[in-house]
Structures are given as C-alpha cells and as structure tokens.
C-alpha cells in the first residue's frame, strides 16, 4: 500500500486540513512555499493518465477542495498555483494522484514541487 493510501486510511499521521468521503488534504512535509498542501483521492489511482470517465467527479472534487482550502488559508485573493504532475517525465514522484496547492508567496513558472 502506498504512503498516500496509508494517510487516507489514517494508518500514518498527517495534519489533515480537509477530509470527506472522496478526498483528503494535508500539509506537505517538505513545503517549497509557505502554503504547500496536497489533495489526494482516497481511492488509489496512480496517475492522471490512469483516470477513467467514472473518476470525473473525483477529479473535480480535488480542484474544488483546493479552492476551498485556498480561501480558508487566505491565499485566494492574491493567487495560488494548482499543479498535477503526470508520470516520471512530468516530474511525478509518488505513484498516487495528488494535486499541489501552492501559495503564500509569489510563484515563478519554474517552481518544481517534489
């Protein structure tokens, strides 16, 4: 079982900022900007490339949760970045879909989340 699945099942502690039946969101343990949150589906899906039509609601929920968290953390007014990395060449290092919510500082185009 991957580390994100263990976090979703609460087998590994994480500072959850949001949780519902489909997704969980928590602070990245190695933040690259002041606000660095990961939004993950509770269902194990390795990559955006593996999403199926039936996962459309799940993908939309991840984005809407990111928006809510940005509002709750008071970064939505100045702006933030949402980032999915897909596959090895896309920089994806964890084999479980995760959406990076990055903010709290001016972000450059070449920010490279790990």
PDB file of N, CA and C in Angstrom:
ATOM      1  N   UNK A   1       0.852  -1.183   0.000  1.00  0.00           N
ATOM      2  CA  UNK A   1       0.000   0.000   0.000  1.00  0.00           C
ATOM      3  C   UNK A   1       0.898   1.246   0.000  1.00  0.00           C
ATOM      4  N   UNK A   2       0.557   2.227  -0.799  1.00  0.00           N
ATOM      5  CA  UNK A   2       1.382   3.433  -0.903  1.00  0.00           C
ATOM      6  C   UNK A   2       1.178   4.340   0.319  1.00  0.00           C
ATOM      7  N   UNK A   3       2.101   5.254   0.503  1.00  0.00           N
ATOM      8  CA  UNK A   3       2.066   6.143   1.670  1.00  0.00           C
ATOM      9  C   UNK A   3       0.817   7.025   1.675  1.00  0.00           C
ATOM     10  N   UNK A   4       0.360   7.492   0.514  1.00  0.00           N
ATOM     11  CA  UNK A   4      -0.844   8.326   0.479  1.00  0.00           C
ATOM     12  C   UNK A   4      -2.086   7.512   0.842  1.00  0.00           C
ATOM     13  N   UNK A   5      -2.140   6.250   0.440  1.00  0.00           N
ATOM     14  CA  UNK A   5      -3.261   5.392   0.845  1.00  0.00           C
ATOM     15  C   UNK A   5      -3.248   5.202   2.363  1.00  0.00           C
ATOM     16  N   UNK A   6      -2.057   5.056   2.930  1.00  0.00           N
ATOM     17  CA  UNK A   6      -1.946   4.899   4.388  1.00  0.00           C
ATOM     18  C   UNK A   6      -2.383   6.168   5.114  1.00  0.00           C
ATOM     19  N   UNK A   7      -2.065   7.316   4.559  1.00  0.00           N
ATOM     20  CA  UNK A   7      -2.531   8.581   5.147  1.00  0.00           C
ATOM     21  C   UNK A   7      -4.049   8.655   5.060  1.00  0.00           C
ATOM     22  N   UNK A   8      -4.607   8.312   3.911  1.00  0.00           N
ATOM     23  CA  UNK A   8      -6.060   8.356   3.720  1.00  0.00           C
ATOM     24  C   UNK A   8      -6.782   7.416   4.682  1.00  0.00           C
ATOM     25  N   UNK A   9      -6.156   6.290   5.012  1.00  0.00           N
ATOM     26  CA  UNK A   9      -6.753   5.317   5.937  1.00  0.00           C
ATOM     27  C   UNK A   9      -6.366   5.599   7.396  1.00  0.00           C
ATOM     28  N   UNK A  10      -5.620   6.708   7.599  1.00  0.00           N
ATOM     29  CA  UNK A  10      -5.189   7.142   8.930  1.00  0.00           C
ATOM     30  C   UNK A  10      -4.277   6.129   9.616  1.00  0.00           C
ATOM     31  N   UNK A  11      -3.516   5.405   8.805  1.00  0.00           N
ATOM     32  CA  UNK A  11      -2.506   4.497   9.320  1.00  0.00           C
ATOM     33  C   UNK A  11      -1.194   5.230   9.557  1.00  0.00           C
ATOM     34  N   UNK A  12      -1.051   6.376   8.906  1.00  0.00           N
ATOM     35  CA  UNK A  12       0.096   7.262   9.087  1.00  0.00           C
ATOM     36  C   UNK A  12      -0.468   8.636   9.436  1.00  0.00           C
ATOM     37  N   UNK A  13       0.045   9.267  10.496  1.00  0.00           N
ATOM     38  CA  UNK A  13      -0.497  10.580  10.862  1.00  0.00           C
ATOM     39  C   UNK A  13      -0.126  11.661   9.853  1.00  0.00           C
ATOM     40  N   UNK A  14      -1.055  12.567   9.665  1.00  0.00           N
ATOM     41  CA  UNK A  14      -0.833  13.742   8.816  1.00  0.00           C
ATOM     42  C   UNK A  14      -1.730  14.846   9.346  1.00  0.00           C
ATOM     43  N   UNK A  15      -1.312  16.074   9.131  1.00  0.00           N
ATOM     44  CA  UNK A  15      -2.111  17.227   9.552  1.00  0.00           C
ATOM     45  C   UNK A  15      -3.187  17.481   8.498  1.00  0.00           C
ATOM     46  N   UNK A  16      -4.339  16.834   8.677  1.00  0.00           N
ATOM     47  CA  UNK A  16      -5.417  16.964   7.704  1.00  0.00           C
ATOM     48  C   UNK A  16      -6.045  18.349   7.771  1.00  0.00           C
ATOM     49  N   UNK A  17      -6.161  18.976   6.616  1.00  0.00           N
ATOM     50  CA  UNK A  17      -6.826  20.265   6.500  1.00  0.00           C
ATOM     51  C   UNK A  17      -8.253  20.102   5.990  1.00  0.00           C
ATOM     52  N   UNK A  18      -8.508  18.938   5.357  1.00  0.00           N
ATOM     53  CA  UNK A  18      -9.832  18.666   4.811  1.00  0.00           C
ATOM     54  C   UNK A  18      -9.949  17.167   4.604  1.00  0.00           C
ATOM     55  N   UNK A  19     -11.169  16.677   4.796  1.00  0.00           N
ATOM     56  CA  UNK A  19     -11.439  15.273   4.508  1.00  0.00           C
ATOM     57  C   UNK A  19     -12.929  15.102   4.252  1.00  0.00           C
ATOM     58  N   UNK A  20     -13.251  14.301   3.236  1.00  0.00           N
ATOM     59  CA  UNK A  20     -14.627  13.885   3.004  1.00  0.00           C
ATOM     60  C   UNK A  20     -14.574  12.441   2.520  1.00  0.00           C
ATOM     61  N   UNK A  21     -15.656  11.958   1.957  1.00  0.00           N
ATOM     62  CA  UNK A  21     -15.691  10.562   1.538  1.00  0.00           C
ATOM     63  C   UNK A  21     -14.807  10.265   0.325  1.00  0.00           C
ATOM     64  N   UNK A  22     -14.439  11.275  -0.450  1.00  0.00           N
ATOM     65  CA  UNK A  22     -13.648  11.058  -1.662  1.00  0.00           C
ATOM     66  C   UNK A  22     -12.191  11.470  -1.558  1.00  0.00           C
ATOM     67  N   UNK A  23     -11.907  12.547  -0.815  1.00  0.00           N
ATOM     68  CA  UNK A  23     -10.550  13.101  -0.808  1.00  0.00           C
ATOM     69  C   UNK A  23     -10.090  13.467   0.597  1.00  0.00           C
ATOM     70  N   UNK A  24      -8.784  13.624   0.702  1.00  0.00           N
ATOM     71  CA  UNK A  24      -8.159  14.142   1.919  1.00  0.00           C
ATOM     72  C   UNK A  24      -7.126  15.177   1.491  1.00  0.00           C
ATOM     73  N   UNK A  25      -6.888  16.150   2.350  1.00  0.00           N
ATOM     74  CA  UNK A  25      -5.895  17.186   2.061  1.00  0.00           C
ATOM     75  C   UNK A  25      -5.053  17.407   3.309  1.00  0.00           C
ATOM     76  N   UNK A  26      -3.758  17.554   3.105  1.00  0.00           N
ATOM     77  CA  UNK A  26      -2.846  17.714   4.227  1.00  0.00           C
ATOM     78  C   UNK A  26      -1.632  18.523   3.795  1.00  0.00           C
ATOM     79  N   UNK A  27      -0.942  19.075   4.787  1.00  0.00           N
ATOM     80  CA  UNK A  27       0.259  19.860   4.502  1.00  0.00           C
ATOM     81  C   UNK A  27       1.375  18.943   4.025  1.00  0.00           C
ATOM     82  N   UNK A  28       2.104  19.414   3.014  1.00  0.00           N
ATOM     83  CA  UNK A  28       3.268  18.684   2.522  1.00  0.00           C
ATOM     84  C   UNK A  28       4.347  18.698   3.596  1.00  0.00           C
ATOM     85  N   UNK A  29       5.021  17.573   3.807  1.00  0.00           N
ATOM     86  CA  UNK A  29       6.045  17.524   4.858  1.00  0.00           C
ATOM     87  C   UNK A  29       7.335  18.220   4.445  1.00  0.00           C
ATOM     88  N   UNK A  30       7.481  18.508   3.147  1.00  0.00           N
ATOM     89  CA  UNK A  30       8.645  19.251   2.652  1.00  0.00           C
ATOM     90  C   UNK A  30       8.154  20.417   1.807  1.00  0.00           C
ATOM     91  N   UNK A  31       7.552  21.424   2.445  1.00  0.00           N
ATOM     92  CA  UNK A  31       6.970  22.522   1.661  1.00  0.00           C
ATOM     93  C   UNK A  31       8.028  23.333   0.921  1.00  0.00           C
ATOM     94  N   UNK A  32       7.669  23.776  -0.276  1.00  0.00           N
ATOM     95  CA  UNK A  32       8.588  24.603  -1.068  1.00  0.00           C
ATOM     96  C   UNK A  32       8.157  26.061  -1.071  1.00  0.00           C
ATOM     97  N   UNK A  33       6.979  26.336  -0.534  1.00  0.00           N
ATOM     98  CA  UNK A  33       6.454  27.694  -0.373  1.00  0.00           C
ATOM     99  C   UNK A  33       5.683  27.706   0.949  1.00  0.00           C
ATOM    100  N   UNK A  34       5.338  28.888   1.465  1.00  0.00           N
ATOM    101  CA  UNK A  34       4.655  28.935   2.765  1.00  0.00           C
ATOM    102  C   UNK A  34       3.388  28.079   2.857  1.00  0.00           C
ATOM    103  N   UNK A  35       2.594  28.025   1.800  1.00  0.00           N
ATOM    104  CA  UNK A  35       1.415  27.156   1.775  1.00  0.00           C
ATOM    105  C   UNK A  35       1.666  26.085   0.718  1.00  0.00           C
ATOM    106  N   UNK A  36       1.795  24.855   1.179  1.00  0.00           N
ATOM    107  CA  UNK A  36       2.012  23.723   0.270  1.00  0.00           C
ATOM    108  C   UNK A  36       1.161  22.567   0.779  1.00  0.00           C
ATOM    109  N   UNK A  37       0.028  22.382   0.136  1.00  0.00           N
ATOM    110  CA  UNK A  37      -0.954  21.386   0.541  1.00  0.00           C
ATOM    111  C   UNK A  37      -1.098  20.358  -0.576  1.00  0.00           C
ATOM    112  N   UNK A  38      -1.262  19.104  -0.187  1.00  0.00           N
ATOM    113  CA  UNK A  38      -1.521  18.035  -1.138  1.00  0.00           C
ATOM    114  C   UNK A  38      -2.964  17.582  -0.993  1.00  0.00           C
ATOM    115  N   UNK A  39      -3.663  17.495  -2.092  1.00  0.00           N
ATOM    116  CA  UNK A  39      -5.032  16.994  -2.107  1.00  0.00           C
ATOM    117  C   UNK A  39      -4.983  15.657  -2.840  1.00  0.00           C
ATOM    118  N   UNK A  40      -5.435  14.600  -2.162  1.00  0.00           N
ATOM    119  CA  UNK A  40      -5.352  13.255  -2.733  1.00  0.00           C
ATOM    120  C   UNK A  40      -6.733  12.599  -2.758  1.00  0.00           C
ATOM    121  N   UNK A  41      -6.971  11.732  -3.728  1.00  0.00           N
ATOM    122  CA  UNK A  41      -8.180  10.913  -3.666  1.00  0.00           C
ATOM    123  C   UNK A  41      -7.951   9.783  -2.673  1.00  0.00           C
ATOM    124  N   UNK A  42      -8.982   9.380  -1.982  1.00  0.00           N
ATOM    125  CA  UNK A  42      -8.858   8.239  -1.075  1.00  0.00           C
ATOM    126  C   UNK A  42      -8.740   6.940  -1.868  1.00  0.00           C
ATOM    127  N   UNK A  43      -9.290   6.942  -3.060  1.00  0.00           N
ATOM    128  CA  UNK A  43      -9.169   5.797  -3.963  1.00  0.00           C
ATOM    129  C   UNK A  43      -7.774   5.829  -4.586  1.00  0.00           C
ATOM    130  N   UNK A  44      -7.100   4.695  -4.604  1.00  0.00           N
ATOM    131  CA  UNK A  44      -5.760   4.663  -5.196  1.00  0.00           C
ATOM    132  C   UNK A  44      -5.857   4.690  -6.725  1.00  0.00           C
ATOM    133  N   UNK A  45      -5.322   5.763  -7.273  1.00  0.00           N
ATOM    134  CA  UNK A  45      -5.154   5.900  -8.720  1.00  0.00           C
ATOM    135  C   UNK A  45      -3.740   6.429  -8.885  1.00  0.00           C
ATOM    136  N   UNK A  46      -2.929   5.737  -9.669  1.00  0.00           N
ATOM    137  CA  UNK A  46      -1.516   6.097  -9.739  1.00  0.00           C
ATOM    138  C   UNK A  46      -1.240   7.438 -10.385  1.00  0.00           C
ATOM    139  N   UNK A  47      -1.964   7.778 -11.439  1.00  0.00           N
ATOM    140  CA  UNK A  47      -1.627   8.972 -12.214  1.00  0.00           C
ATOM    141  C   UNK A  47      -2.868   9.533 -12.885  1.00  0.00           C
ATOM    142  N   UNK A  48      -2.811  10.791 -13.249  1.00  0.00           N
ATOM    143  CA  UNK A  48      -3.877  11.391 -14.048  1.00  0.00           C
ATOM    144  C   UNK A  48      -4.099  10.556 -15.313  1.00  0.00           C
ATOM    145  N   UNK A  49      -3.025   9.998 -15.857  1.00  0.00           N
ATOM    146  CA  UNK A  49      -3.130   9.168 -17.059  1.00  0.00           C
ATOM    147  C   UNK A  49      -3.993   7.935 -16.826  1.00  0.00           C
ATOM    148  N   UNK A  50      -4.185   7.536 -15.586  1.00  0.00           N
ATOM    149  CA  UNK A  50      -4.981   6.360 -15.254  1.00  0.00           C
ATOM    150  C   UNK A  50      -6.433   6.695 -14.907  1.00  0.00           C
ATOM    151  N   UNK A  51      -6.795   7.978 -14.903  1.00  0.00           N
ATOM    152  CA  UNK A  51      -8.180   8.352 -14.630  1.00  0.00           C
ATOM    153  C   UNK A  51      -9.097   7.775 -15.698  1.00  0.00           C
ATOM    154  N   UNK A  52     -10.290   7.401 -15.262  1.00  0.00           N
ATOM    155  CA  UNK A  52     -11.306   6.909 -16.186  1.00  0.00           C
ATOM    156  C   UNK A  52     -12.491   7.861 -16.149  1.00  0.00           C
ATOM    157  N   UNK A  53     -13.389   7.720 -17.107  1.00  0.00           N
ATOM    158  CA  UNK A  53     -14.566   8.587 -17.154  1.00  0.00           C
ATOM    159  C   UNK A  53     -15.320   8.581 -15.832  1.00  0.00           C
ATOM    160  N   UNK A  54     -15.381   7.444 -15.166  1.00  0.00           N
ATOM    161  CA  UNK A  54     -16.111   7.347 -13.903  1.00  0.00           C
ATOM    162  C   UNK A  54     -15.436   8.138 -12.772  1.00  0.00           C
ATOM    163  N   UNK A  55     -14.202   8.605 -12.983  1.00  0.00           N
ATOM    164  CA  UNK A  55     -13.464   9.374 -11.971  1.00  0.00           C
ATOM    165  C   UNK A  55     -13.627  10.878 -12.141  1.00  0.00           C
ATOM    166  N   UNK A  56     -14.477  11.310 -13.053  1.00  0.00           N
ATOM    167  CA  UNK A  56     -14.634  12.734 -13.343  1.00  0.00           C
ATOM    168  C   UNK A  56     -15.063  13.525 -12.109  1.00  0.00           C
ATOM    169  N   UNK A  57     -15.997  13.018 -11.336  1.00  0.00           N
ATOM    170  CA  UNK A  57     -16.456  13.712 -10.120  1.00  0.00           C
ATOM    171  C   UNK A  57     -15.313  13.817  -9.118  1.00  0.00           C
ATOM    172  N   UNK A  58     -14.539  12.762  -8.996  1.00  0.00           N
ATOM    173  CA  UNK A  58     -13.402  12.756  -8.078  1.00  0.00           C
ATOM    174  C   UNK A  58     -12.379  13.830  -8.458  1.00  0.00           C
ATOM    175  N   UNK A  59     -12.042  13.920  -9.719  1.00  0.00           N
ATOM    176  CA  UNK A  59     -11.071  14.924 -10.183  1.00  0.00           C
ATOM    177  C   UNK A  59     -11.601  16.334  -9.935  1.00  0.00           C
ATOM    178  N   UNK A  60     -12.867  16.548 -10.213  1.00  0.00           N
ATOM    179  CA  UNK A  60     -13.470  17.854  -9.944  1.00  0.00           C
ATOM    180  C   UNK A  60     -13.486  18.190  -8.467  1.00  0.00           C
ATOM    181  N   UNK A  61     -13.754  17.196  -7.638  1.00  0.00           N
ATOM    182  CA  UNK A  61     -13.759  17.417  -6.184  1.00  0.00           C
ATOM    183  C   UNK A  61     -12.385  17.870  -5.699  1.00  0.00           C
ATOM    184  N   UNK A  62     -11.326  17.262  -6.232  1.00  0.00           N
ATOM    185  CA  UNK A  62      -9.977  17.654  -5.818  1.00  0.00           C
ATOM    186  C   UNK A  62      -9.739  19.138  -6.086  1.00  0.00           C
ATOM    187  N   UNK A  63     -10.162  19.619  -7.239  1.00  0.00           N
ATOM    188  CA  UNK A  63      -9.963  21.023  -7.590  1.00  0.00           C
ATOM    189  C   UNK A  63     -10.820  21.930  -6.703  1.00  0.00           C
ATOM    190  N   UNK A  64     -12.066  21.550  -6.471  1.00  0.00           N
ATOM    191  CA  UNK A  64     -12.941  22.366  -5.627  1.00  0.00           C
ATOM    192  C   UNK A  64     -12.455  22.397  -4.178  1.00  0.00           C
ATOM    193  N   UNK A  65     -11.905  21.300  -3.694  1.00  0.00           N
ATOM    194  CA  UNK A  65     -11.341  21.278  -2.337  1.00  0.00           C
ATOM    195  C   UNK A  65     -10.130  22.204  -2.268  1.00  0.00           C
ATOM    196  N   UNK A  66      -9.297  22.188  -3.299  1.00  0.00           N
ATOM    197  CA  UNK A  66      -8.148  23.098  -3.333  1.00  0.00           C
ATOM    198  C   UNK A  66      -8.618  24.548  -3.250  1.00  0.00           C
ATOM    199  N   UNK A  67      -9.664  24.880  -3.978  1.00  0.00           N
ATOM    200  CA  UNK A  67     -10.212  26.238  -3.945  1.00  0.00           C
ATOM    201  C   UNK A  67     -10.674  26.599  -2.535  1.00  0.00           C
ATOM    202  N   UNK A  68     -11.398  25.698  -1.879  1.00  0.00           N
ATOM    203  CA  UNK A  68     -11.876  25.947  -0.513  1.00  0.00           C
ATOM    204  C   UNK A  68     -10.727  26.136   0.466  1.00  0.00           C
ATOM    205  N   UNK A  69      -9.718  25.299   0.355  1.00  0.00           N
ATOM    206  CA  UNK A  69      -8.570  25.410   1.256  1.00  0.00           C
ATOM    207  C   UNK A  69      -7.843  26.731   1.028  1.00  0.00           C
ATOM    208  N   UNK A  70      -7.682  27.129  -0.229  1.00  0.00           N
ATOM    209  CA  UNK A  70      -7.040  28.416  -0.531  1.00  0.00           C
ATOM    210  C   UNK A  70      -7.811  29.561   0.114  1.00  0.00           C
ATOM    211  N   UNK A  71      -9.132  29.493   0.074  1.00  0.00           N
ATOM    212  CA  UNK A  71      -9.945  30.518   0.730  1.00  0.00           C
ATOM    213  C   UNK A  71      -9.758  30.473   2.240  1.00  0.00           C
ATOM    214  N   UNK A  72      -9.787  29.276   2.816  1.00  0.00           N
ATOM    215  CA  UNK A  72      -9.629  29.124   4.268  1.00  0.00           C
ATOM    216  C   UNK A  72      -8.262  29.585   4.760  1.00  0.00           C
ATOM    217  N   UNK A  73      -7.243  29.440   3.927  1.00  0.00           N
ATOM    218  CA  UNK A  73      -5.881  29.829   4.309  1.00  0.00           C
ATOM    219  C   UNK A  73      -5.545  31.258   3.871  1.00  0.00           C
ATOM    220  N   UNK A  74      -6.548  31.963   3.366  1.00  0.00           N
ATOM    221  CA  UNK A  74      -6.409  33.379   2.991  1.00  0.00           C
ATOM    222  C   UNK A  74      -5.354  33.632   1.922  1.00  0.00           C
ATOM    223  N   UNK A  75      -5.258  32.723   0.953  1.00  0.00           N
ATOM    224  CA  UNK A  75      -4.327  32.963  -0.156  1.00  0.00           C
ATOM    225  C   UNK A  75      -5.067  33.142  -1.479  1.00  0.00           C
ATOM    226  N   UNK A  76      -6.384  32.986  -1.468  1.00  0.00           N
ATOM    227  CA  UNK A  76      -7.112  33.032  -2.737  1.00  0.00           C
ATOM    228  C   UNK A  76      -7.141  34.426  -3.352  1.00  0.00           C
ATOM    229  N   UNK A  77      -7.123  35.446  -2.546  1.00  0.00           N
ATOM    230  CA  UNK A  77      -7.205  36.807  -3.076  1.00  0.00           C
ATOM    231  C   UNK A  77      -5.964  37.194  -3.880  1.00  0.00           C
ATOM    232  N   UNK A  78      -4.778  36.841  -3.380  1.00  0.00           N
ATOM    233  CA  UNK A  78      -3.536  37.198  -4.080  1.00  0.00           C
ATOM    234  C   UNK A  78      -3.167  36.198  -5.171  1.00  0.00           C
ATOM    235  N   UNK A  79      -3.667  34.977  -5.057  1.00  0.00           N
ATOM    236  CA  UNK A  79      -3.398  33.961  -6.070  1.00  0.00           C
ATOM    237  C   UNK A  79      -2.617  32.776  -5.537  1.00  0.00           C
ATOM    238  N   UNK A  80      -2.721  31.704  -6.267  1.00  0.00           N
ATOM    239  CA  UNK A  80      -2.057  30.455  -5.898  1.00  0.00           C
ATOM    240  C   UNK A  80      -1.892  29.611  -7.155  1.00  0.00           C
ATOM    241  N   UNK A  81      -1.166  28.526  -7.019  1.00  0.00           N
ATOM    242  CA  UNK A  81      -0.940  27.632  -8.149  1.00  0.00           C
ATOM    243  C   UNK A  81      -1.476  26.245  -7.795  1.00  0.00           C
ATOM    244  N   UNK A  82      -2.173  25.628  -8.764  1.00  0.00           N
ATOM    245  CA  UNK A  82      -2.584  24.236  -8.660  1.00  0.00           C
ATOM    246  C   UNK A  82      -1.767  23.451  -9.666  1.00  0.00           C
ATOM    247  N   UNK A  83      -1.223  22.325  -9.223  1.00  0.00           N
ATOM    248  CA  UNK A  83      -0.312  21.589 -10.089  1.00  0.00           C
ATOM    249  C   UNK A  83      -0.495  20.087  -9.938  1.00  0.00           C
ATOM    250  N   UNK A  84      -0.752  19.425 -11.070  1.00  0.00           N
ATOM    251  CA  UNK A  84      -0.694  17.966 -11.155  1.00  0.00           C
ATOM    252  C   UNK A  84       0.561  17.631 -11.948  1.00  0.00           C
ATOM    253  N   UNK A  85       1.325  16.693 -11.472  1.00  0.00           N
ATOM    254  CA  UNK A  85       2.438  16.164 -12.267  1.00  0.00           C
ATOM    255  C   UNK A  85       2.024  14.769 -12.719  1.00  0.00           C
ATOM    256  N   UNK A  86       2.303  14.441 -13.972  1.00  0.00           N
ATOM    257  CA  UNK A  86       1.822  13.197 -14.545  1.00  0.00           C
ATOM    258  C   UNK A  86       2.988  12.380 -15.086  1.00  0.00           C
ATOM    259  N   UNK A  87       3.230  11.232 -14.496  1.00  0.00           N
ATOM    260  CA  UNK A  87       4.284  10.327 -14.958  1.00  0.00           C
ATOM    261  C   UNK A  87       5.674  10.820 -14.618  1.00  0.00           C
ATOM    262  N   UNK A  88       6.603   9.938 -14.823  1.00  0.00           N
ATOM    263  CA  UNK A  88       8.007  10.219 -14.490  1.00  0.00           C
ATOM    264  C   UNK A  88       8.552  11.439 -15.219  1.00  0.00           C
ATOM    265  N   UNK A  89       8.308  11.523 -16.518  1.00  0.00           N
ATOM    266  CA  UNK A  89       8.815  12.663 -17.283  1.00  0.00           C
ATOM    267  C   UNK A  89       8.104  13.961 -16.915  1.00  0.00           C
ATOM    268  N   UNK A  90       6.917  13.864 -16.336  1.00  0.00           N
ATOM    269  CA  UNK A  90       6.188  15.042 -15.867  1.00  0.00           C
ATOM    270  C   UNK A  90       6.585  15.441 -14.455  1.00  0.00           C
ATOM    271  N   UNK A  91       7.512  14.684 -13.851  1.00  0.00           N
ATOM    272  CA  UNK A  91       8.007  15.015 -12.519  1.00  0.00           C
ATOM    273  C   UNK A  91       7.239  14.356 -11.385  1.00  0.00           C
ATOM    274  N   UNK A  92       6.319  13.434 -11.686  1.00  0.00           N
ATOM    275  CA  UNK A  92       5.567  12.759 -10.627  1.00  0.00           C
ATOM    276  C   UNK A  92       6.479  11.766  -9.922  1.00  0.00           C
ATOM    277  N   UNK A  93       6.604  11.927  -8.610  1.00  0.00           N
ATOM    278  CA  UNK A  93       7.480  11.058  -7.838  1.00  0.00           C
ATOM    279  C   UNK A  93       6.726  10.062  -6.976  1.00  0.00           C
ATOM    280  N   UNK A  94       5.483  10.370  -6.622  1.00  0.00           N
ATOM    281  CA  UNK A  94       4.663   9.482  -5.802  1.00  0.00           C
ATOM    282  C   UNK A  94       3.616   8.825  -6.704  1.00  0.00           C
ATOM    283  N   UNK A  95       3.529   7.494  -6.724  1.00  0.00           N
ATOM    284  CA  UNK A  95       2.572   6.836  -7.610  1.00  0.00           C
ATOM    285  C   UNK A  95       1.148   6.819  -7.039  1.00  0.00           C
ATOM    286  N   UNK A  96       0.614   7.989  -6.800  1.00  0.00           N
ATOM    287  CA  UNK A  96      -0.766   8.200  -6.347  1.00  0.00           C
ATOM    288  C   UNK A  96      -1.101   9.633  -6.730  1.00  0.00           C
ATOM    289  N   UNK A  97      -2.190   9.828  -7.458  1.00  0.00           N
ATOM    290  CA  UNK A  97      -2.559  11.180  -7.885  1.00  0.00           C
ATOM    291  C   UNK A  97      -2.545  12.115  -6.690  1.00  0.00           C
ATOM    292  N   UNK A  98      -1.957  13.281  -6.879  1.00  0.00           N
ATOM    293  CA  UNK A  98      -2.016  14.321  -5.855  1.00  0.00           C
ATOM    294  C   UNK A  98      -1.948  15.683  -6.531  1.00  0.00           C
ATOM    295  N   UNK A  99      -2.770  16.566  -6.014  1.00  0.00           N
ATOM    296  CA  UNK A  99      -2.834  17.934  -6.516  1.00  0.00           C
ATOM    297  C   UNK A  99      -2.099  18.826  -5.536  1.00  0.00           C
ATOM    298  N   UNK A 100      -1.094  19.551  -6.019  1.00  0.00           N
ATOM    299  CA  UNK A 100      -0.362  20.505  -5.190  1.00  0.00           C
ATOM    300  C   UNK A 100      -1.124  21.829  -5.180  1.00  0.00           C
ATOM    301  N   UNK A 101      -1.370  22.353  -4.004  1.00  0.00           N
ATOM    302  CA  UNK A 101      -1.872  23.720  -3.819  1.00  0.00           C
ATOM    303  C   UNK A 101      -0.701  24.511  -3.264  1.00  0.00           C
ATOM    304  N   UNK A 102      -0.230  25.485  -4.032  1.00  0.00           N
ATOM    305  CA  UNK A 102       0.960  26.255  -3.677  1.00  0.00           C
ATOM    306  C   UNK A 102       0.606  27.728  -3.577  1.00  0.00           C
ATOM    307  N   UNK A 103       1.015  28.373  -2.496  1.00  0.00           N
ATOM    308  CA  UNK A 103       0.731  29.793  -2.357  1.00  0.00           C
ATOM    309  C   UNK A 103       1.418  30.401  -1.164  1.00  0.00           C
ATOM    310  N   UNK A 104       1.023  31.613  -0.866  1.00  0.00           N
ATOM    311  CA  UNK A 104       1.607  32.334   0.251  1.00  0.00           C
ATOM    312  C   UNK A 104       2.880  33.071  -0.103  1.00  0.00           C
ATOM    313  N   UNK A 105       3.262  33.033  -1.372  1.00  0.00           N
ATOM    314  CA  UNK A 105       4.448  33.737  -1.862  1.00  0.00           C
ATOM    315  C   UNK A 105       4.285  33.886  -3.370  1.00  0.00           C
ATOM    316  N   UNK A 106       5.005  34.827  -3.950  1.00  0.00           N
ATOM    317  CA  UNK A 106       4.946  34.979  -5.409  1.00  0.00           C
ATOM    318  C   UNK A 106       5.627  33.772  -6.034  1.00  0.00           C
ATOM    319  N   UNK A 107       4.932  33.097  -6.944  1.00  0.00           N
ATOM    320  CA  UNK A 107       5.425  31.857  -7.524  1.00  0.00           C
ATOM    321  C   UNK A 107       5.934  32.072  -8.927  1.00  0.00           C
ATOM    322  N   UNK A 108       7.065  31.462  -9.224  1.00  0.00           N
ATOM    323  CA  UNK A 108       7.613  31.547 -10.582  1.00  0.00           C
ATOM    324  C   UNK A 108       7.071  30.382 -11.408  1.00  0.00           C
ATOM    325  N   UNK A 109       7.261  30.463 -12.703  1.00  0.00           N
ATOM    326  CA  UNK A 109       6.795  29.404 -13.602  1.00  0.00           C
ATOM    327  C   UNK A 109       7.576  28.110 -13.410  1.00  0.00           C
ATOM    328  N   UNK A 110       8.799  28.204 -12.929  1.00  0.00           N
ATOM    329  CA  UNK A 110       9.626  27.001 -12.854  1.00  0.00           C
ATOM    330  C   UNK A 110       9.718  26.406 -11.452  1.00  0.00           C
ATOM    331  N   UNK A 111       8.730  26.643 -10.622  1.00  0.00           N
ATOM    332  CA  UNK A 111       8.697  26.013  -9.301  1.00  0.00           C
ATOM    333  C   UNK A 111       8.588  24.511  -9.510  1.00  0.00           C
ATOM    334  N   UNK A 112       9.364  23.754  -8.807  1.00  0.00           N
ATOM    335  CA  UNK A 112       9.398  22.314  -9.003  1.00  0.00           C
ATOM    336  C   UNK A 112       9.058  21.579  -7.715  1.00  0.00           C
ATOM    337  N   UNK A 113       7.765  21.318  -7.469  1.00  0.00           N
ATOM    338  CA  UNK A 113       7.400  20.568  -6.272  1.00  0.00           C
ATOM    339  C   UNK A 113       7.928  19.151  -6.339  1.00  0.00           C
ATOM    340  N   UNK A 114       8.247  18.635  -5.198  1.00  0.00           N
ATOM    341  CA  UNK A 114       8.687  17.250  -5.110  1.00  0.00           C
ATOM    342  C   UNK A 114       7.604  16.392  -4.547  1.00  0.00           C
TER     343      UNK A 114
END
